[in-house]
C-alpha atoms as a PDB file:
ATOM      1  CA  UNK A   1     118.972  58.673-158.749  1.00  0.00           C
ATOM      2  CA  UNK A   2     115.416  58.149-157.524  1.00  0.00           C
ATOM      3  CA  UNK A   3     112.495  55.724-157.692  1.00  0.00           C
ATOM      4  CA  UNK A   4     108.780  56.448-157.939  1.00  0.00           C
ATOM      5  CA  UNK A   5     108.052  56.178-154.177  1.00  0.00           C
ATOM      6  CA  UNK A   6     110.637  58.841-153.300  1.00  0.00           C
ATOM      7  CA  UNK A   7     109.516  61.045-156.198  1.00  0.00           C
ATOM      8  CA  UNK A   8     105.890  60.811-155.051  1.00  0.00           C
ATOM      9  CA  UNK A   9     106.829  61.529-151.416  1.00  0.00           C
ATOM     10  CA  UNK A  10     108.634  64.706-152.496  1.00  0.00           C
ATOM     11  CA  UNK A  11     106.188  65.921-155.136  1.00  0.00           C
ATOM     12  CA  UNK A  12     102.714  64.669-154.177  1.00  0.00           C
ATOM     13  CA  UNK A  13     101.587  68.164-153.151  1.00  0.00           C
ATOM     14  CA  UNK A  14     102.028  69.219-156.786  1.00  0.00           C
ATOM     15  CA  UNK A  15     100.153  66.332-158.408  1.00  0.00           C
ATOM     16  CA  UNK A  16      96.528  65.256-157.813  1.00  0.00           C
ATOM     17  CA  UNK A  17      97.217  61.528-158.266  1.00  0.00           C
ATOM     18  CA  UNK A  18     100.323  59.320-158.514  1.00  0.00           C
ATOM     19  CA  UNK A  19      99.592  58.333-162.126  1.00  0.00           C
ATOM     20  CA  UNK A  20      99.838  62.011-163.133  1.00  0.00           C
ATOM     21  CA  UNK A  21     103.395  62.119-161.753  1.00  0.00           C
ATOM     22  CA  UNK A  22     104.226  58.764-163.402  1.00  0.00           C
ATOM     23  CA  UNK A  23     103.069  60.209-166.713  1.00  0.00           C
ATOM     24  CA  UNK A  24     105.235  63.299-166.194  1.00  0.00           C
ATOM     25  CA  UNK A  25     108.285  61.163-165.400  1.00  0.00           C
ATOM     26  CA  UNK A  26     107.597  59.056-168.481  1.00  0.00           C
ATOM     27  CA  UNK A  27     107.466  62.144-170.695  1.00  0.00           C
ATOM     28  CA  UNK A  28     110.598  63.674-169.165  1.00  0.00           C
ATOM     29  CA  UNK A  29     112.377  60.387-169.786  1.00  0.00           C
ATOM     30  CA  UNK A  30     111.417  60.197-173.432  1.00  0.00           C
ATOM     31  CA  UNK A  31     112.312  63.856-173.912  1.00  0.00           C
ATOM     32  CA  UNK A  32     115.833  63.225-172.575  1.00  0.00           C
ATOM     33  CA  UNK A  33     115.539  65.221-169.356  1.00  0.00           C
ATOM     34  CA  UNK A  34     115.589  62.014-167.323  1.00  0.00           C
ATOM     35  CA  UNK A  35     117.069  58.634-168.108  1.00  0.00           C
ATOM     36  CA  UNK A  36     116.416  55.096-166.898  1.00  0.00           C
ATOM     37  CA  UNK A  37     119.612  53.045-166.422  1.00  0.00           C
ATOM     38  CA  UNK A  38     119.285  49.956-168.665  1.00  0.00           C
ATOM     39  CA  UNK A  39     120.796  47.553-166.108  1.00  0.00           C
ATOM     40  CA  UNK A  40     117.962  48.201-163.668  1.00  0.00           C
ATOM     41  CA  UNK A  41     116.081  45.355-165.358  1.00  0.00           C
ATOM     42  CA  UNK A  42     118.051  43.046-163.062  1.00  0.00           C
ATOM     43  CA  UNK A  43     116.685  44.917-160.054  1.00  0.00           C
ATOM     44  CA  UNK A  44     113.103  44.769-161.350  1.00  0.00           C
ATOM     45  CA  UNK A  45     113.362  41.033-161.975  1.00  0.00           C
ATOM     46  CA  UNK A  46     114.265  40.553-158.306  1.00  0.00           C
ATOM     47  CA  UNK A  47     110.944  42.211-157.403  1.00  0.00           C
ATOM     48  CA  UNK A  48     108.262  40.537-159.561  1.00  0.00           C
ATOM     49  CA  UNK A  49     105.382  42.880-160.215  1.00  0.00           C
ATOM     50  CA  UNK A  50     107.314  45.969-159.120  1.00  0.00           C
ATOM     51  CA  UNK A  51     107.145  49.009-161.382  1.00  0.00           C
ATOM     52  CA  UNK A  52     109.503  51.148-159.310  1.00  0.00           C
ATOM     53  CA  UNK A  53     111.706  52.207-162.190  1.00  0.00           C
ATOM     54  CA  UNK A  54     114.935  53.982-161.326  1.00  0.00           C
ATOM     55  CA  UNK A  55     115.227  57.449-162.827  1.00  0.00           C
ATOM     56  CA  UNK A  56     118.453  59.407-163.146  1.00  0.00           C
ATOM     57  CA  UNK A  57     119.314  62.825-164.514  1.00  0.00           C
ATOM     58  CA  UNK A  58     119.681  62.928-168.285  1.00  0.00           C
ATOM     59  CA  UNK A  59     122.091  65.107-170.246  1.00  0.00           C
ATOM     60  CA  UNK A  60     119.315  67.348-171.512  1.00  0.00           C
ATOM     61  CA  UNK A  61     117.988  67.762-167.977  1.00  0.00           C
ATOM     62  CA  UNK A  62     121.461  68.627-166.697  1.00  0.00           C
ATOM     63  CA  UNK A  63     121.791  71.359-169.308  1.00  0.00           C
ATOM     64  CA  UNK A  64     118.432  72.787-168.261  1.00  0.00           C
ATOM     65  CA  UNK A  65     119.471  72.844-164.601  1.00  0.00           C
ATOM     66  CA  UNK A  66     122.713  74.600-165.531  1.00  0.00           C
ATOM     67  CA  UNK A  67     120.734  77.134-167.521  1.00  0.00           C
ATOM     68  CA  UNK A  68     118.749  78.147-164.430  1.00  0.00           C
ATOM     69  CA  UNK A  69     121.831  78.397-162.212  1.00  0.00           C
ATOM     70  CA  UNK A  70     122.665  74.947-160.827  1.00  0.00           C
ATOM     71  CA  UNK A  71     126.356  73.983-160.854  1.00  0.00           C
ATOM     72  CA  UNK A  72     126.826  70.432-162.066  1.00  0.00           C
ATOM     73  CA  UNK A  73     129.881  68.398-163.101  1.00  0.00           C
ATOM     74  CA  UNK A  74     130.629  68.433-166.814  1.00  0.00           C
ATOM     75  CA  UNK A  75     129.836  64.893-167.943  1.00  0.00           C
ATOM     76  CA  UNK A  76     127.675  62.829-170.242  1.00  0.00           C
ATOM     77  CA  UNK A  77     124.794  62.066-167.868  1.00  0.00           C
ATOM     78  CA  UNK A  78     123.119  59.687-170.320  1.00  0.00           C
ATOM     79  CA  UNK A  79     126.289  57.625-170.552  1.00  0.00           C
ATOM     80  CA  UNK A  80     126.709  57.660-166.768  1.00  0.00           C
ATOM     81  CA  UNK A  81     123.305  55.983-166.432  1.00  0.00           C
ATOM     82  CA  UNK A  82     124.282  53.380-169.012  1.00  0.00           C
ATOM     83  CA  UNK A  83     127.467  52.591-167.090  1.00  0.00           C
ATOM     84  CA  UNK A  84     125.623  51.474-163.953  1.00  0.00           C
ATOM     85  CA  UNK A  85     126.164  47.794-163.198  1.00  0.00           C
ATOM     86  CA  UNK A  86     123.395  45.429-162.042  1.00  0.00           C
ATOM     87  CA  UNK A  87     124.567  45.402-158.405  1.00  0.00           C
ATOM     88  CA  UNK A  88     125.346  49.126-158.132  1.00  0.00           C
ATOM     89  CA  UNK A  89     121.843  50.567-157.640  1.00  0.00           C
ATOM     90  CA  UNK A  90     121.125  49.885-153.974  1.00  0.00           C
ATOM     91  CA  UNK A  91     123.857  52.124-152.551  1.00  0.00           C
ATOM     92  CA  UNK A  92     122.818  55.391-154.284  1.00  0.00           C
ATOM     93  CA  UNK A  93     119.133  54.561-153.756  1.00  0.00           C
ATOM     94  CA  UNK A  94     119.755  54.151-150.016  1.00  0.00           C
ATOM     95  CA  UNK A  95     121.355  57.598-149.985  1.00  0.00           C
ATOM     96  CA  UNK A  96     118.357  58.986-151.880  1.00  0.00           C
ATOM     97  CA  UNK A  97     115.909  57.482-149.386  1.00  0.00           C
ATOM     98  CA  UNK A  98     117.789  58.979-146.438  1.00  0.00           C
ATOM     99  CA  UNK A  99     117.973  62.425-148.034  1.00  0.00           C
ATOM    100  CA  UNK A 100     114.293  62.253-148.989  1.00  0.00           C
ATOM    101  CA  UNK A 101     113.317  61.488-145.393  1.00  0.00           C
ATOM    102  CA  UNK A 102     115.619  64.232-144.103  1.00  0.00           C
ATOM    103  CA  UNK A 103     114.190  66.802-146.521  1.00  0.00           C
ATOM    104  CA  UNK A 104     110.569  65.950-145.747  1.00  0.00           C
ATOM    105  CA  UNK A 105     111.259  65.635-142.023  1.00  0.00           C
ATOM    106  CA  UNK A 106     112.818  69.095-141.888  1.00  0.00           C
ATOM    107  CA  UNK A 107     109.955  70.607-143.895  1.00  0.00           C
ATOM    108  CA  UNK A 108     107.484  69.241-141.333  1.00  0.00           C
ATOM    109  CA  UNK A 109     109.489  70.229-138.233  1.00  0.00           C
ATOM    110  CA  UNK A 110     109.425  73.972-137.496  1.00  0.00           C
ATOM    111  CA  UNK A 111     112.705  75.205-136.073  1.00  0.00           C
ATOM    112  CA  UNK A 112     114.973  72.725-137.868  1.00  0.00           C
ATOM    113  CA  UNK A 113     116.637  73.648-141.163  1.00  0.00           C
ATOM    114  CA  UNK A 114     119.175  72.172-143.548  1.00  0.00           C
ATOM    115  CA  UNK A 115     121.697  74.949-144.155  1.00  0.00           C
ATOM    116  CA  UNK A 116     124.073  73.069-146.447  1.00  0.00           C
ATOM    117  CA  UNK A 117     124.108  69.795-148.328  1.00  0.00           C
ATOM    118  CA  UNK A 118     127.218  68.263-149.870  1.00  0.00           C
ATOM    119  CA  UNK A 119     126.420  65.365-152.237  1.00  0.00           C
ATOM    120  CA  UNK A 120     128.489  62.208-152.303  1.00  0.00           C
ATOM    121  CA  UNK A 121     132.172  62.976-152.791  1.00  0.00           C
ATOM    122  CA  UNK A 122     131.833  66.764-152.469  1.00  0.00           C
ATOM    123  CA  UNK A 123     133.053  66.991-148.875  1.00  0.00           C
ATOM    124  CA  UNK A 124     136.658  65.864-148.390  1.00  0.00           C
ATOM    125  CA  UNK A 125     138.908  66.379-145.405  1.00  0.00           C
ATOM    126  CA  UNK A 126     142.380  64.928-144.883  1.00  0.00           C
ATOM    127  CA  UNK A 127     143.466  63.648-141.462  1.00  0.00           C
ATOM    128  CA  UNK A 128     146.987  62.625-140.476  1.00  0.00           C
ATOM    129  CA  UNK A 129     148.072  60.623-137.433  1.00  0.00           C
ATOM    130  CA  UNK A 130     150.664  58.168-136.153  1.00  0.00           C
ATOM    131  CA  UNK A 131     149.246  54.651-135.662  1.00  0.00           C
ATOM    132  CA  UNK A 132     152.086  53.434-133.444  1.00  0.00           C
ATOM    133  CA  UNK A 133     154.194  52.199-136.349  1.00  0.00           C
ATOM    134  CA  UNK A 134     153.992  54.798-139.114  1.00  0.00           C
ATOM    135  CA  UNK A 135     152.437  58.075-140.186  1.00  0.00           C
ATOM    136  CA  UNK A 136     149.007  57.546-141.755  1.00  0.00           C
ATOM    137  CA  UNK A 137     147.033  59.888-144.007  1.00  0.00           C
ATOM    138  CA  UNK A 138     143.307  59.204-144.523  1.00  0.00           C
ATOM    139  CA  UNK A 139     140.506  61.111-146.220  1.00  0.00           C
ATOM    140  CA  UNK A 140     136.993  61.637-144.854  1.00  0.00           C
ATOM    141  CA  UNK A 141     134.630  61.316-147.843  1.00  0.00           C
ATOM    142  CA  UNK A 142     131.028  60.828-146.644  1.00  0.00           C
ATOM    143  CA  UNK A 143     128.232  59.536-148.851  1.00  0.00           C
ATOM    144  CA  UNK A 144     126.476  62.787-148.019  1.00  0.00           C
ATOM    145  CA  UNK A 145     127.149  65.712-145.676  1.00  0.00           C
ATOM    146  CA  UNK A 146     124.546  67.991-144.115  1.00  0.00           C
ATOM    147  CA  UNK A 147     124.724  71.034-141.883  1.00  0.00           C
ATOM    148  CA  UNK A 148     121.519  71.339-139.844  1.00  0.00           C
ATOM    149  CA  UNK A 149     120.344  74.136-137.565  1.00  0.00           C
ATOM    150  CA  UNK A 150     118.045  73.606-134.584  1.00  0.00           C
ATOM    151  CA  UNK A 151     116.479  76.820-133.247  1.00  0.00           C
ATOM    152  CA  UNK A 152     113.599  75.265-131.300  1.00  0.00           C
ATOM    153  CA  UNK A 153     115.098  75.924-127.861  1.00  0.00           C
ATOM    154  CA  UNK A 154     116.617  78.938-126.157  1.00  0.00           C
ATOM    155  CA  UNK A 155     119.833  78.495-128.119  1.00  0.00           C
ATOM    156  CA  UNK A 156     120.422  77.890-131.802  1.00  0.00           C
ATOM    157  CA  UNK A 157     122.674  74.918-132.432  1.00  0.00           C
ATOM    158  CA  UNK A 158     124.306  73.676-135.610  1.00  0.00           C
ATOM    159  CA  UNK A 159     125.038  70.010-136.176  1.00  0.00           C
ATOM    160  CA  UNK A 160     127.126  68.384-138.871  1.00  0.00           C
ATOM    161  CA  UNK A 161     125.803  65.054-140.161  1.00  0.00           C
ATOM    162  CA  UNK A 162     127.972  62.665-142.142  1.00  0.00           C
ATOM    163  CA  UNK A 163     126.081  59.827-143.831  1.00  0.00           C
ATOM    164  CA  UNK A 164     127.482  56.390-144.560  1.00  0.00           C
ATOM    165  CA  UNK A 165     125.204  54.048-146.522  1.00  0.00           C
ATOM    166  CA  UNK A 166     126.618  50.623-145.708  1.00  0.00           C
ATOM    167  CA  UNK A 167     125.839  47.406-147.507  1.00  0.00           C
ATOM    168  CA  UNK A 168     127.610  44.082-147.133  1.00  0.00           C
ATOM    169  CA  UNK A 169     130.058  44.811-149.928  1.00  0.00           C
ATOM    170  CA  UNK A 170     132.772  46.610-147.914  1.00  0.00           C
ATOM    171  CA  UNK A 171     135.195  44.560-145.741  1.00  0.00           C
ATOM    172  CA  UNK A 172     135.323  45.422-142.052  1.00  0.00           C
ATOM    173  CA  UNK A 173     139.112  45.692-142.150  1.00  0.00           C
ATOM    174  CA  UNK A 174     142.162  45.008-144.309  1.00  0.00           C
ATOM    175  CA  UNK A 175     145.830  44.480-143.605  1.00  0.00           C
ATOM    176  CA  UNK A 176     146.741  47.940-144.971  1.00  0.00           C
ATOM    177  CA  UNK A 177     145.086  51.324-145.455  1.00  0.00           C
ATOM    178  CA  UNK A 178     145.635  51.239-149.215  1.00  0.00           C
ATOM    179  CA  UNK A 179     142.218  49.652-149.832  1.00  0.00           C
ATOM    180  CA  UNK A 180     138.807  50.720-148.588  1.00  0.00           C
ATOM    181  CA  UNK A 181     137.398  49.234-145.382  1.00  0.00           C
ATOM    182  CA  UNK A 182     134.950  50.185-142.640  1.00  0.00           C
ATOM    183  CA  UNK A 183     137.857  50.308-140.192  1.00  0.00           C
ATOM    184  CA  UNK A 184     139.550  52.928-142.347  1.00  0.00           C
ATOM    185  CA  UNK A 185     136.409  55.080-142.337  1.00  0.00           C
ATOM    186  CA  UNK A 186     136.073  54.830-138.553  1.00  0.00           C
ATOM    187  CA  UNK A 187     139.643  55.959-137.949  1.00  0.00           C
ATOM    188  CA  UNK A 188     139.292  58.889-140.347  1.00  0.00           C
ATOM    189  CA  UNK A 189     136.151  60.148-138.607  1.00  0.00           C
ATOM    190  CA  UNK A 190     137.610  59.461-135.174  1.00  0.00           C
ATOM    191  CA  UNK A 191     140.695  61.583-135.813  1.00  0.00           C
ATOM    192  CA  UNK A 192     138.626  64.359-137.377  1.00  0.00           C
ATOM    193  CA  UNK A 193     136.457  64.375-134.221  1.00  0.00           C
ATOM    194  CA  UNK A 194     139.627  64.908-132.177  1.00  0.00           C
ATOM    195  CA  UNK A 195     140.145  68.235-134.014  1.00  0.00           C
ATOM    196  CA  UNK A 196     136.976  70.177-133.088  1.00  0.00           C
ATOM    197  CA  UNK A 197     138.330  73.579-134.099  1.00  0.00           C
ATOM    198  CA  UNK A 198     138.993  72.279-137.586  1.00  0.00           C
ATOM    199  CA  UNK A 199     135.466  71.005-138.194  1.00  0.00           C
ATOM    200  CA  UNK A 200     133.966  74.170-136.666  1.00  0.00           C
ATOM    201  CA  UNK A 201     135.961  76.263-139.105  1.00  0.00           C
ATOM    202  CA  UNK A 202     135.101  74.088-142.110  1.00  0.00           C
ATOM    203  CA  UNK A 203     131.349  73.618-141.535  1.00  0.00           C
ATOM    204  CA  UNK A 204     130.605  76.231-138.841  1.00  0.00           C
ATOM    205  CA  UNK A 205     128.993  73.588-136.620  1.00  0.00           C
ATOM    206  CA  UNK A 206     129.066  72.950-132.872  1.00  0.00           C
ATOM    207  CA  UNK A 207     129.563  69.199-133.266  1.00  0.00           C
ATOM    208  CA  UNK A 208     129.084  66.347-135.742  1.00  0.00           C
ATOM    209  CA  UNK A 209     127.775  62.782-135.813  1.00  0.00           C
ATOM    210  CA  UNK A 210     128.244  59.951-138.288  1.00  0.00           C
ATOM    211  CA  UNK A 211     125.012  58.206-139.302  1.00  0.00           C
ATOM    212  CA  UNK A 212     125.406  54.728-140.774  1.00  0.00           C
ATOM    213  CA  UNK A 213     122.338  53.231-142.453  1.00  0.00           C
ATOM    214  CA  UNK A 214     122.564  49.449-142.825  1.00  0.00           C
ATOM    215  CA  UNK A 215     120.684  46.878-144.870  1.00  0.00           C
ATOM    216  CA  UNK A 216     119.237  45.056-141.864  1.00  0.00           C
ATOM    217  CA  UNK A 217     119.501  44.721-138.095  1.00  0.00           C
ATOM    218  CA  UNK A 218     122.124  41.967-138.276  1.00  0.00           C
ATOM    219  CA  UNK A 219     124.414  44.272-140.257  1.00  0.00           C
ATOM    220  CA  UNK A 220     123.759  47.153-137.849  1.00  0.00           C
ATOM    221  CA  UNK A 221     124.671  45.021-134.823  1.00  0.00           C
ATOM    222  CA  UNK A 222     127.839  43.761-136.528  1.00  0.00           C
ATOM    223  CA  UNK A 223     129.007  47.281-137.382  1.00  0.00           C
ATOM    224  CA  UNK A 224     128.096  48.669-133.954  1.00  0.00           C
ATOM    225  CA  UNK A 225     130.078  45.945-132.192  1.00  0.00           C
ATOM    226  CA  UNK A 226     133.026  46.416-134.523  1.00  0.00           C
ATOM    227  CA  UNK A 227     132.977  50.193-134.007  1.00  0.00           C
ATOM    228  CA  UNK A 228     132.884  49.846-130.231  1.00  0.00           C
ATOM    229  CA  UNK A 229     135.846  47.466-130.305  1.00  0.00           C
ATOM    230  CA  UNK A 230     137.934  49.645-132.642  1.00  0.00           C
ATOM    231  CA  UNK A 231     137.154  52.806-130.725  1.00  0.00           C
ATOM    232  CA  UNK A 232     138.069  51.200-127.429  1.00  0.00           C
ATOM    233  CA  UNK A 233     141.418  50.062-128.792  1.00  0.00           C
ATOM    234  CA  UNK A 234     142.143  53.441-130.341  1.00  0.00           C
ATOM    235  CA  UNK A 235     141.808  55.684-127.327  1.00  0.00           C
ATOM    236  CA  UNK A 236     140.672  55.619-123.710  1.00  0.00           C
ATOM    237  CA  UNK A 237     138.596  58.733-124.414  1.00  0.00           C
ATOM    238  CA  UNK A 238     136.019  56.875-126.462  1.00  0.00           C
ATOM    239  CA  UNK A 239     134.145  58.707-129.211  1.00  0.00           C
ATOM    240  CA  UNK A 240     131.594  55.953-129.865  1.00  0.00           C
ATOM    241  CA  UNK A 241     128.747  58.390-129.278  1.00  0.00           C
ATOM    242  CA  UNK A 242     129.530  60.087-132.581  1.00  0.00           C
ATOM    243  CA  UNK A 243     128.773  56.865-134.489  1.00  0.00           C
ATOM    244  CA  UNK A 244     125.035  56.165-134.858  1.00  0.00           C
ATOM    245  CA  UNK A 245     123.400  53.235-136.643  1.00  0.00           C
ATOM    246  CA  UNK A 246     119.951  52.439-138.076  1.00  0.00           C
ATOM    247  CA  UNK A 247     118.454  50.106-140.675  1.00  0.00           C
ATOM    248  CA  UNK A 248     117.012  51.143-144.017  1.00  0.00           C
ATOM    249  CA  UNK A 249     113.575  49.890-142.901  1.00  0.00           C
ATOM    250  CA  UNK A 250     113.595  52.562-140.184  1.00  0.00           C
ATOM    251  CA  UNK A 251     113.617  55.253-142.892  1.00  0.00           C
ATOM    252  CA  UNK A 252     109.906  55.795-143.473  1.00  0.00           C
ATOM    253  CA  UNK A 253     108.535  57.864-146.346  1.00  0.00           C
ATOM    254  CA  UNK A 254     105.169  57.820-144.545  1.00  0.00           C
ATOM    255  CA  UNK A 255     106.711  59.201-141.345  1.00  0.00           C
ATOM    256  CA  UNK A 256     109.840  61.081-142.445  1.00  0.00           C
ATOM    257  CA  UNK A 257     110.091  63.053-139.196  1.00  0.00           C
ATOM    258  CA  UNK A 258     111.109  59.805-137.511  1.00  0.00           C
ATOM    259  CA  UNK A 259     114.589  60.151-139.001  1.00  0.00           C
ATOM    260  CA  UNK A 260     114.972  63.344-136.961  1.00  0.00           C
ATOM    261  CA  UNK A 261     112.824  62.933-133.872  1.00  0.00           C
ATOM    262  CA  UNK A 262     112.334  59.217-133.148  1.00  0.00           C
ATOM    263  CA  UNK A 263     114.628  56.788-131.360  1.00  0.00           C
ATOM    264  CA  UNK A 264     115.524  54.847-134.500  1.00  0.00           C
ATOM    265  CA  UNK A 265     119.271  55.332-133.987  1.00  0.00           C
ATOM    266  CA  UNK A 266     121.609  53.348-131.745  1.00  0.00           C
ATOM    267  CA  UNK A 267     125.113  54.530-130.951  1.00  0.00           C
ATOM    268  CA  UNK A 268     128.102  52.222-130.995  1.00  0.00           C
ATOM    269  CA  UNK A 269     128.058  52.568-127.215  1.00  0.00           C
ATOM    270  CA  UNK A 270     124.590  50.978-127.241  1.00  0.00           C
ATOM    271  CA  UNK A 271     122.457  54.045-126.466  1.00  0.00           C
ATOM    272  CA  UNK A 272     119.227  54.583-128.393  1.00  0.00           C
ATOM    273  CA  UNK A 273     118.148  58.067-129.328  1.00  0.00           C
ATOM    274  CA  UNK A 274     117.086  60.595-131.920  1.00  0.00           C
ATOM    275  CA  UNK A 275     119.149  63.123-133.845  1.00  0.00           C
ATOM    276  CA  UNK A 276     117.218  66.100-132.402  1.00  0.00           C
END
């Protein structure tokens, strides 16, 4: 799922003017290669004057991608777009914006590469632990997973990046682990971090971090404070430096390298820094 600004940021080198790309998107939509989720009209009404239509992959486009070698889930992509609810656009679009900035930032930074990318739901890892009362089994399922390589220095290092796009729709905690919560995610990542050999074997990385992109600074502060508290209660050997937070406004399509190289991230321990 993508909007015009992200599409232009990714493809402007191939089109002389934005309106040429808009025309191409329009034609691909009417030919069935792309689709525009009908419920996005709610989103457009919230932004009077905005023409940033949301585009998603259409069934005909999916078949074309499969024809040239891409592996995609077998589904009715046109129907999937129709099933989107009015309030369900911002989460996938936040993921798209992050991945767009990462892609462009890497392209403009010699020595850094994305080796692997797992879309939402494609990376899954089970963790099991005893919480003091009972055995608990949780699953790490990031919104996106990347394996990046940094060869700018004397040594080549590989870093795993797990993305969490957080809006104010998920509770911080619940009374049980049967329902989703931010607390549940933190514990899953925390216990995976305590098994370094396992993550090295799975992703062939030296270490990993969890990047959480929030709607605004108030949300980022709330989640950072909550993470620091949970991590302190969980273990004396705190892993708060694996949890990093930023706001969606810090993701700049005009300066995508900032997502990699600028101090837009703050750890749960309160330290500001950059990914690389």
